[in-house]
Amino acid sequence: MTDAELVFTALAELSTRQIAETEQTKGLEENKIPAKKGGKIAKDARLALEEKTGKKVVTGQNFLSAGKRPKELK
């Protein structure tokens, strides 16, 4: 992943955690709402940066093509 991808991933995770703590959510179902809100915060920030720079943040650097399979652990 690029530095920018790591930063926006960290922003989404931090936002989600802080929203969940503030709303005192418990369990998977309740945490879906903070997850969507945290993801939207990071998405909005990413789109704003892409608009200002004219460059995409998301790359294919961490993408495995459909034909490639990771090595299996034994």
PDB file of N, CA and C in Angstrom:
ATOM      1  N   MET A   1       0.848  -1.187   0.000  1.00  0.00           N
ATOM      2  CA  MET A   1       0.000   0.000   0.000  1.00  0.00           C
ATOM      3  C   MET A   1       0.886   1.239   0.000  1.00  0.00           C
ATOM      4  N   THR A   2       0.371   2.281  -0.600  1.00  0.00           N
ATOM      5  CA  THR A   2       1.102   3.542  -0.606  1.00  0.00           C
ATOM      6  C   THR A   2       0.910   4.251   0.737  1.00  0.00           C
ATOM      7  N   ASP A   3       1.708   5.294   0.950  1.00  0.00           N
ATOM      8  CA  ASP A   3       1.562   6.077   2.183  1.00  0.00           C
ATOM      9  C   ASP A   3       0.154   6.654   2.299  1.00  0.00           C
ATOM     10  N   ALA A   4      -0.365   7.176   1.193  1.00  0.00           N
ATOM     11  CA  ALA A   4      -1.700   7.777   1.214  1.00  0.00           C
ATOM     12  C   ALA A   4      -2.765   6.732   1.544  1.00  0.00           C
ATOM     13  N   GLU A   5      -2.656   5.542   0.969  1.00  0.00           N
ATOM     14  CA  GLU A   5      -3.632   4.486   1.259  1.00  0.00           C
ATOM     15  C   GLU A   5      -3.591   4.118   2.739  1.00  0.00           C
ATOM     16  N   LEU A   6      -2.400   4.052   3.299  1.00  0.00           N
ATOM     17  CA  LEU A   6      -2.266   3.736   4.726  1.00  0.00           C
ATOM     18  C   LEU A   6      -2.880   4.830   5.595  1.00  0.00           C
ATOM     19  N   VAL A   7      -2.668   6.075   5.219  1.00  0.00           N
ATOM     20  CA  VAL A   7      -3.204   7.198   5.995  1.00  0.00           C
ATOM     21  C   VAL A   7      -4.729   7.190   5.984  1.00  0.00           C
ATOM     22  N   PHE A   8      -5.322   6.985   4.822  1.00  0.00           N
ATOM     23  CA  PHE A   8      -6.783   6.992   4.746  1.00  0.00           C
ATOM     24  C   PHE A   8      -7.391   5.759   5.416  1.00  0.00           C
ATOM     25  N   THR A   9      -6.696   4.633   5.368  1.00  0.00           N
ATOM     26  CA  THR A   9      -7.157   3.452   6.092  1.00  0.00           C
ATOM     27  C   THR A   9      -7.125   3.709   7.596  1.00  0.00           C
ATOM     28  N   ALA A  10      -6.036   4.320   8.061  1.00  0.00           N
ATOM     29  CA  ALA A  10      -5.922   4.650   9.481  1.00  0.00           C
ATOM     30  C   ALA A  10      -6.992   5.657   9.896  1.00  0.00           C
ATOM     31  N   LEU A  11      -7.284   6.628   9.031  1.00  0.00           N
ATOM     32  CA  LEU A  11      -8.332   7.615   9.324  1.00  0.00           C
ATOM     33  C   LEU A  11      -9.690   6.930   9.469  1.00  0.00           C
ATOM     34  N   ALA A  12      -9.989   5.996   8.582  1.00  0.00           N
ATOM     35  CA  ALA A  12     -11.261   5.270   8.659  1.00  0.00           C
ATOM     36  C   ALA A  12     -11.352   4.469   9.947  1.00  0.00           C
ATOM     37  N   GLU A  13     -10.258   3.789  10.308  1.00  0.00           N
ATOM     38  CA  GLU A  13     -10.265   2.971  11.528  1.00  0.00           C
ATOM     39  C   GLU A  13     -10.387   3.828  12.782  1.00  0.00           C
ATOM     40  N   LEU A  14      -9.643   4.925  12.833  1.00  0.00           N
ATOM     41  CA  LEU A  14      -9.699   5.819  13.997  1.00  0.00           C
ATOM     42  C   LEU A  14     -11.087   6.447  14.132  1.00  0.00           C
ATOM     43  N   SER A  15     -11.625   6.923  13.022  1.00  0.00           N
ATOM     44  CA  SER A  15     -12.955   7.547  13.041  1.00  0.00           C
ATOM     45  C   SER A  15     -14.010   6.555  13.509  1.00  0.00           C
ATOM     46  N   THR A  16     -13.944   5.351  12.971  1.00  0.00           N
ATOM     47  CA  THR A  16     -14.908   4.309  13.342  1.00  0.00           C
ATOM     48  C   THR A  16     -14.816   4.003  14.832  1.00  0.00           C
ATOM     49  N   ARG A  17     -13.599   3.824  15.336  1.00  0.00           N
ATOM     50  CA  ARG A  17     -13.434   3.496  16.753  1.00  0.00           C
ATOM     51  C   ARG A  17     -13.954   4.607  17.658  1.00  0.00           C
ATOM     52  N   GLN A  18     -13.622   5.848  17.326  1.00  0.00           N
ATOM     53  CA  GLN A  18     -14.054   6.952  18.173  1.00  0.00           C
ATOM     54  C   GLN A  18     -15.575   7.136  18.137  1.00  0.00           C
ATOM     55  N   ILE A  19     -16.193   6.933  16.971  1.00  0.00           N
ATOM     56  CA  ILE A  19     -17.651   7.028  16.878  1.00  0.00           C
ATOM     57  C   ILE A  19     -18.291   5.904  17.692  1.00  0.00           C
ATOM     58  N   ALA A  20     -17.761   4.699  17.578  1.00  0.00           N
ATOM     59  CA  ALA A  20     -18.301   3.558  18.331  1.00  0.00           C
ATOM     60  C   ALA A  20     -18.175   3.779  19.835  1.00  0.00           C
ATOM     61  N   GLU A  21     -17.044   4.339  20.263  1.00  0.00           N
ATOM     62  CA  GLU A  21     -16.865   4.616  21.689  1.00  0.00           C
ATOM     63  C   GLU A  21     -17.833   5.692  22.163  1.00  0.00           C
ATOM     64  N   THR A  22     -18.021   6.723  21.356  1.00  0.00           N
ATOM     65  CA  THR A  22     -18.925   7.815  21.719  1.00  0.00           C
ATOM     66  C   THR A  22     -20.367   7.330  21.815  1.00  0.00           C
ATOM     67  N   GLU A  23     -20.762   6.481  20.849  1.00  0.00           N
ATOM     68  CA  GLU A  23     -22.135   5.967  20.830  1.00  0.00           C
ATOM     69  C   GLU A  23     -22.296   4.730  21.713  1.00  0.00           C
ATOM     70  N   GLN A  24     -21.198   4.269  22.297  1.00  0.00           N
ATOM     71  CA  GLN A  24     -21.171   3.099  23.183  1.00  0.00           C
ATOM     72  C   GLN A  24     -21.870   1.889  22.559  1.00  0.00           C
ATOM     73  N   THR A  25     -21.464   1.583  21.334  1.00  0.00           N
ATOM     74  CA  THR A  25     -22.058   0.453  20.629  1.00  0.00           C
ATOM     75  C   THR A  25     -21.434  -0.857  21.094  1.00  0.00           C
ATOM     76  N   LYS A  26     -22.220  -1.911  21.023  1.00  0.00           N
ATOM     77  CA  LYS A  26     -21.768  -3.253  21.407  1.00  0.00           C
ATOM     78  C   LYS A  26     -22.207  -4.231  20.332  1.00  0.00           C
ATOM     79  N   GLY A  27     -21.341  -5.139  19.974  1.00  0.00           N
ATOM     80  CA  GLY A  27     -21.704  -6.195  19.034  1.00  0.00           C
ATOM     81  C   GLY A  27     -21.631  -5.780  17.574  1.00  0.00           C
ATOM     82  N   LEU A  28     -21.698  -6.781  16.733  1.00  0.00           N
ATOM     83  CA  LEU A  28     -21.548  -6.585  15.295  1.00  0.00           C
ATOM     84  C   LEU A  28     -22.640  -5.697  14.706  1.00  0.00           C
ATOM     85  N   GLU A  29     -23.879  -5.984  15.001  1.00  0.00           N
ATOM     86  CA  GLU A  29     -24.985  -5.229  14.402  1.00  0.00           C
ATOM     87  C   GLU A  29     -24.931  -3.750  14.763  1.00  0.00           C
ATOM     88  N   GLU A  30     -24.701  -3.431  16.019  1.00  0.00           N
ATOM     89  CA  GLU A  30     -24.644  -2.028  16.446  1.00  0.00           C
ATOM     90  C   GLU A  30     -23.437  -1.315  15.853  1.00  0.00           C
ATOM     91  N   ASN A  31     -22.331  -2.034  15.648  1.00  0.00           N
ATOM     92  CA  ASN A  31     -21.108  -1.414  15.150  1.00  0.00           C
ATOM     93  C   ASN A  31     -21.111  -1.190  13.646  1.00  0.00           C
ATOM     94  N   LYS A  32     -22.125  -1.675  12.957  1.00  0.00           N
ATOM     95  CA  LYS A  32     -22.215  -1.416  11.518  1.00  0.00           C
ATOM     96  C   LYS A  32     -22.410   0.074  11.239  1.00  0.00           C
ATOM     97  N   ILE A  33     -23.148   0.750  12.098  1.00  0.00           N
ATOM     98  CA  ILE A  33     -23.418   2.175  11.890  1.00  0.00           C
ATOM     99  C   ILE A  33     -22.148   3.014  12.052  1.00  0.00           C
ATOM    100  N   PRO A  34     -21.389   2.867  13.148  1.00  0.00           N
ATOM    101  CA  PRO A  34     -20.133   3.609  13.245  1.00  0.00           C
ATOM    102  C   PRO A  34     -19.151   3.254  12.117  1.00  0.00           C
ATOM    103  N   ALA A  35     -19.157   2.008  11.662  1.00  0.00           N
ATOM    104  CA  ALA A  35     -18.257   1.604  10.577  1.00  0.00           C
ATOM    105  C   ALA A  35     -18.585   2.365   9.296  1.00  0.00           C
ATOM    106  N   LYS A  36     -19.864   2.501   8.999  1.00  0.00           N
ATOM    107  CA  LYS A  36     -20.265   3.241   7.798  1.00  0.00           C
ATOM    108  C   LYS A  36     -19.916   4.724   7.938  1.00  0.00           C
ATOM    109  N   LYS A  37     -20.131   5.281   9.119  1.00  0.00           N
ATOM    110  CA  LYS A  37     -19.823   6.693   9.351  1.00  0.00           C
ATOM    111  C   LYS A  37     -18.313   6.944   9.264  1.00  0.00           C
ATOM    112  N   GLY A  38     -17.523   6.062   9.866  1.00  0.00           N
ATOM    113  CA  GLY A  38     -16.066   6.203   9.821  1.00  0.00           C
ATOM    114  C   GLY A  38     -15.533   6.058   8.413  1.00  0.00           C
ATOM    115  N   GLY A  39     -16.082   5.116   7.667  1.00  0.00           N
ATOM    116  CA  GLY A  39     -15.681   4.937   6.275  1.00  0.00           C
ATOM    117  C   GLY A  39     -16.027   6.139   5.421  1.00  0.00           C
ATOM    118  N   LYS A  40     -17.172   6.757   5.694  1.00  0.00           N
ATOM    119  CA  LYS A  40     -17.589   7.943   4.928  1.00  0.00           C
ATOM    120  C   LYS A  40     -16.660   9.123   5.195  1.00  0.00           C
ATOM    121  N   ILE A  41     -16.200   9.257   6.430  1.00  0.00           N
ATOM    122  CA  ILE A  41     -15.262  10.332   6.755  1.00  0.00           C
ATOM    123  C   ILE A  41     -13.990  10.189   5.926  1.00  0.00           C
ATOM    124  N   ALA A  42     -13.441   8.971   5.885  1.00  0.00           N
ATOM    125  CA  ALA A  42     -12.223   8.728   5.117  1.00  0.00           C
ATOM    126  C   ALA A  42     -12.472   8.887   3.619  1.00  0.00           C
ATOM    127  N   LYS A  43     -13.621   8.424   3.149  1.00  0.00           N
ATOM    128  CA  LYS A  43     -13.951   8.544   1.725  1.00  0.00           C
ATOM    129  C   LYS A  43     -14.039  10.008   1.319  1.00  0.00           C
ATOM    130  N   ASP A  44     -14.737  10.810   2.125  1.00  0.00           N
ATOM    131  CA  ASP A  44     -14.886  12.228   1.810  1.00  0.00           C
ATOM    132  C   ASP A  44     -13.526  12.924   1.774  1.00  0.00           C
ATOM    133  N   ALA A  45     -12.646  12.580   2.728  1.00  0.00           N
ATOM    134  CA  ALA A  45     -11.303  13.168   2.760  1.00  0.00           C
ATOM    135  C   ALA A  45     -10.496  12.738   1.534  1.00  0.00           C
ATOM    136  N   ARG A  46     -10.605  11.464   1.153  1.00  0.00           N
ATOM    137  CA  ARG A  46      -9.881  10.955  -0.025  1.00  0.00           C
ATOM    138  C   ARG A  46     -10.352  11.657  -1.290  1.00  0.00           C
ATOM    139  N   LEU A  47     -11.659  11.777  -1.449  1.00  0.00           N
ATOM    140  CA  LEU A  47     -12.197  12.432  -2.638  1.00  0.00           C
ATOM    141  C   LEU A  47     -11.775  13.903  -2.703  1.00  0.00           C
ATOM    142  N   ALA A  48     -11.740  14.578  -1.566  1.00  0.00           N
ATOM    143  CA  ALA A  48     -11.309  15.980  -1.528  1.00  0.00           C
ATOM    144  C   ALA A  48      -9.847  16.103  -1.955  1.00  0.00           C
ATOM    145  N   LEU A  49      -8.997  15.199  -1.467  1.00  0.00           N
ATOM    146  CA  LEU A  49      -7.584  15.237  -1.845  1.00  0.00           C
ATOM    147  C   LEU A  49      -7.415  14.947  -3.331  1.00  0.00           C
ATOM    148  N   GLU A  50      -8.131  13.947  -3.822  1.00  0.00           N
ATOM    149  CA  GLU A  50      -8.034  13.609  -5.244  1.00  0.00           C
ATOM    150  C   GLU A  50      -8.490  14.780  -6.124  1.00  0.00           C
ATOM    151  N   GLU A  51      -9.515  15.484  -5.668  1.00  0.00           N
ATOM    152  CA  GLU A  51     -10.005  16.636  -6.424  1.00  0.00           C
ATOM    153  C   GLU A  51      -8.965  17.753  -6.463  1.00  0.00           C
ATOM    154  N   LYS A  52      -8.309  18.001  -5.335  1.00  0.00           N
ATOM    155  CA  LYS A  52      -7.324  19.090  -5.257  1.00  0.00           C
ATOM    156  C   LYS A  52      -6.043  18.756  -6.024  1.00  0.00           C
ATOM    157  N   THR A  53      -5.621  17.490  -5.994  1.00  0.00           N
ATOM    158  CA  THR A  53      -4.349  17.119  -6.622  1.00  0.00           C
ATOM    159  C   THR A  53      -4.504  16.595  -8.045  1.00  0.00           C
ATOM    160  N   GLY A  54      -5.694  16.116  -8.374  1.00  0.00           N
ATOM    161  CA  GLY A  54      -5.898  15.518  -9.685  1.00  0.00           C
ATOM    162  C   GLY A  54      -5.290  14.132  -9.802  1.00  0.00           C
ATOM    163  N   LYS A  55      -4.873  13.556  -8.671  1.00  0.00           N
ATOM    164  CA  LYS A  55      -4.257  12.226  -8.659  1.00  0.00           C
ATOM    165  C   LYS A  55      -5.104  11.275  -7.832  1.00  0.00           C
ATOM    166  N   LYS A  56      -5.171  10.027  -8.267  1.00  0.00           N
ATOM    167  CA  LYS A  56      -5.891   8.999  -7.527  1.00  0.00           C
ATOM    168  C   LYS A  56      -5.065   8.552  -6.325  1.00  0.00           C
ATOM    169  N   VAL A  57      -5.731   8.282  -5.216  1.00  0.00           N
ATOM    170  CA  VAL A  57      -5.074   7.791  -4.010  1.00  0.00           C
ATOM    171  C   VAL A  57      -4.957   6.271  -4.056  1.00  0.00           C
ATOM    172  N   VAL A  58      -6.014   5.610  -4.497  1.00  0.00           N
ATOM    173  CA  VAL A  58      -6.042   4.150  -4.509  1.00  0.00           C
ATOM    174  C   VAL A  58      -5.263   3.637  -5.711  1.00  0.00           C
ATOM    175  N   THR A  59      -4.348   2.692  -5.458  1.00  0.00           N
ATOM    176  CA  THR A  59      -3.540   2.098  -6.519  1.00  0.00           C
ATOM    177  C   THR A  59      -3.799   0.605  -6.567  1.00  0.00           C
ATOM    178  N   GLY A  60      -3.214  -0.049  -7.526  1.00  0.00           N
ATOM    179  CA  GLY A  60      -3.321  -1.498  -7.643  1.00  0.00           C
ATOM    180  C   GLY A  60      -2.141  -2.214  -7.017  1.00  0.00           C
ATOM    181  N   GLN A  61      -1.331  -1.510  -6.233  1.00  0.00           N
ATOM    182  CA  GLN A  61      -0.114  -2.094  -5.671  1.00  0.00           C
ATOM    183  C   GLN A  61      -0.374  -3.261  -4.732  1.00  0.00           C
ATOM    184  N   ASN A  62      -1.482  -3.272  -4.055  1.00  0.00           N
ATOM    185  CA  ASN A  62      -1.752  -4.344  -3.095  1.00  0.00           C
ATOM    186  C   ASN A  62      -2.838  -5.274  -3.609  1.00  0.00           C
ATOM    187  N   PHE A  63      -3.018  -5.310  -4.909  1.00  0.00           N
ATOM    188  CA  PHE A  63      -4.084  -6.091  -5.526  1.00  0.00           C
ATOM    189  C   PHE A  63      -3.520  -7.358  -6.143  1.00  0.00           C
ATOM    190  N   LEU A  64      -4.122  -8.496  -5.841  1.00  0.00           N
ATOM    191  CA  LEU A  64      -3.744  -9.751  -6.476  1.00  0.00           C
ATOM    192  C   LEU A  64      -4.692 -10.004  -7.630  1.00  0.00           C
ATOM    193  N   SER A  65      -4.142 -10.285  -8.796  1.00  0.00           N
ATOM    194  CA  SER A  65      -5.000 -10.564  -9.940  1.00  0.00           C
ATOM    195  C   SER A  65      -5.757 -11.864  -9.708  1.00  0.00           C
ATOM    196  N   ALA A  66      -6.832 -12.063 -10.451  1.00  0.00           N
ATOM    197  CA  ALA A  66      -7.685 -13.232 -10.260  1.00  0.00           C
ATOM    198  C   ALA A  66      -6.928 -14.543 -10.480  1.00  0.00           C
ATOM    199  N   GLY A  67      -5.914 -14.523 -11.325  1.00  0.00           N
ATOM    200  CA  GLY A  67      -5.159 -15.741 -11.612  1.00  0.00           C
ATOM    201  C   GLY A  67      -4.111 -16.080 -10.573  1.00  0.00           C
ATOM    202  N   LYS A  68      -3.702 -15.130  -9.774  1.00  0.00           N
ATOM    203  CA  LYS A  68      -2.658 -15.356  -8.772  1.00  0.00           C
ATOM    204  C   LYS A  68      -3.267 -15.774  -7.449  1.00  0.00           C
ATOM    205  N   ARG A  69      -2.724 -16.809  -6.862  1.00  0.00           N
ATOM    206  CA  ARG A  69      -3.166 -17.237  -5.543  1.00  0.00           C
ATOM    207  C   ARG A  69      -1.993 -17.120  -4.586  1.00  0.00           C
ATOM    208  N   PRO A  70      -2.235 -16.632  -3.389  1.00  0.00           N
ATOM    209  CA  PRO A  70      -1.140 -16.547  -2.415  1.00  0.00           C
ATOM    210  C   PRO A  70      -0.693 -17.946  -2.004  1.00  0.00           C
ATOM    211  N   LYS A  71       0.538 -18.024  -1.549  1.00  0.00           N
ATOM    212  CA  LYS A  71       1.057 -19.314  -1.076  1.00  0.00           C
ATOM    213  C   LYS A  71       0.276 -19.753   0.163  1.00  0.00           C
ATOM    214  N   GLU A  72       0.008 -21.022   0.230  1.00  0.00           N
ATOM    215  CA  GLU A  72      -0.699 -21.551   1.394  1.00  0.00           C
ATOM    216  C   GLU A  72       0.311 -21.916   2.472  1.00  0.00           C
ATOM    217  N   LEU A  73      -0.054 -21.653   3.708  1.00  0.00           N
ATOM    218  CA  LEU A  73       0.785 -22.050   4.831  1.00  0.00           C
ATOM    219  C   LEU A  73       0.608 -23.520   5.126  1.00  0.00           C
ATOM    220  N   LYS A  74       1.671 -24.160   5.525  1.00  0.00           N
ATOM    221  CA  LYS A  74       1.578 -25.596   5.850  1.00  0.00           C
ATOM    222  C   LYS A  74       1.738 -25.823   7.318  1.00  0.00           C
TER     223      LYS A  74
END
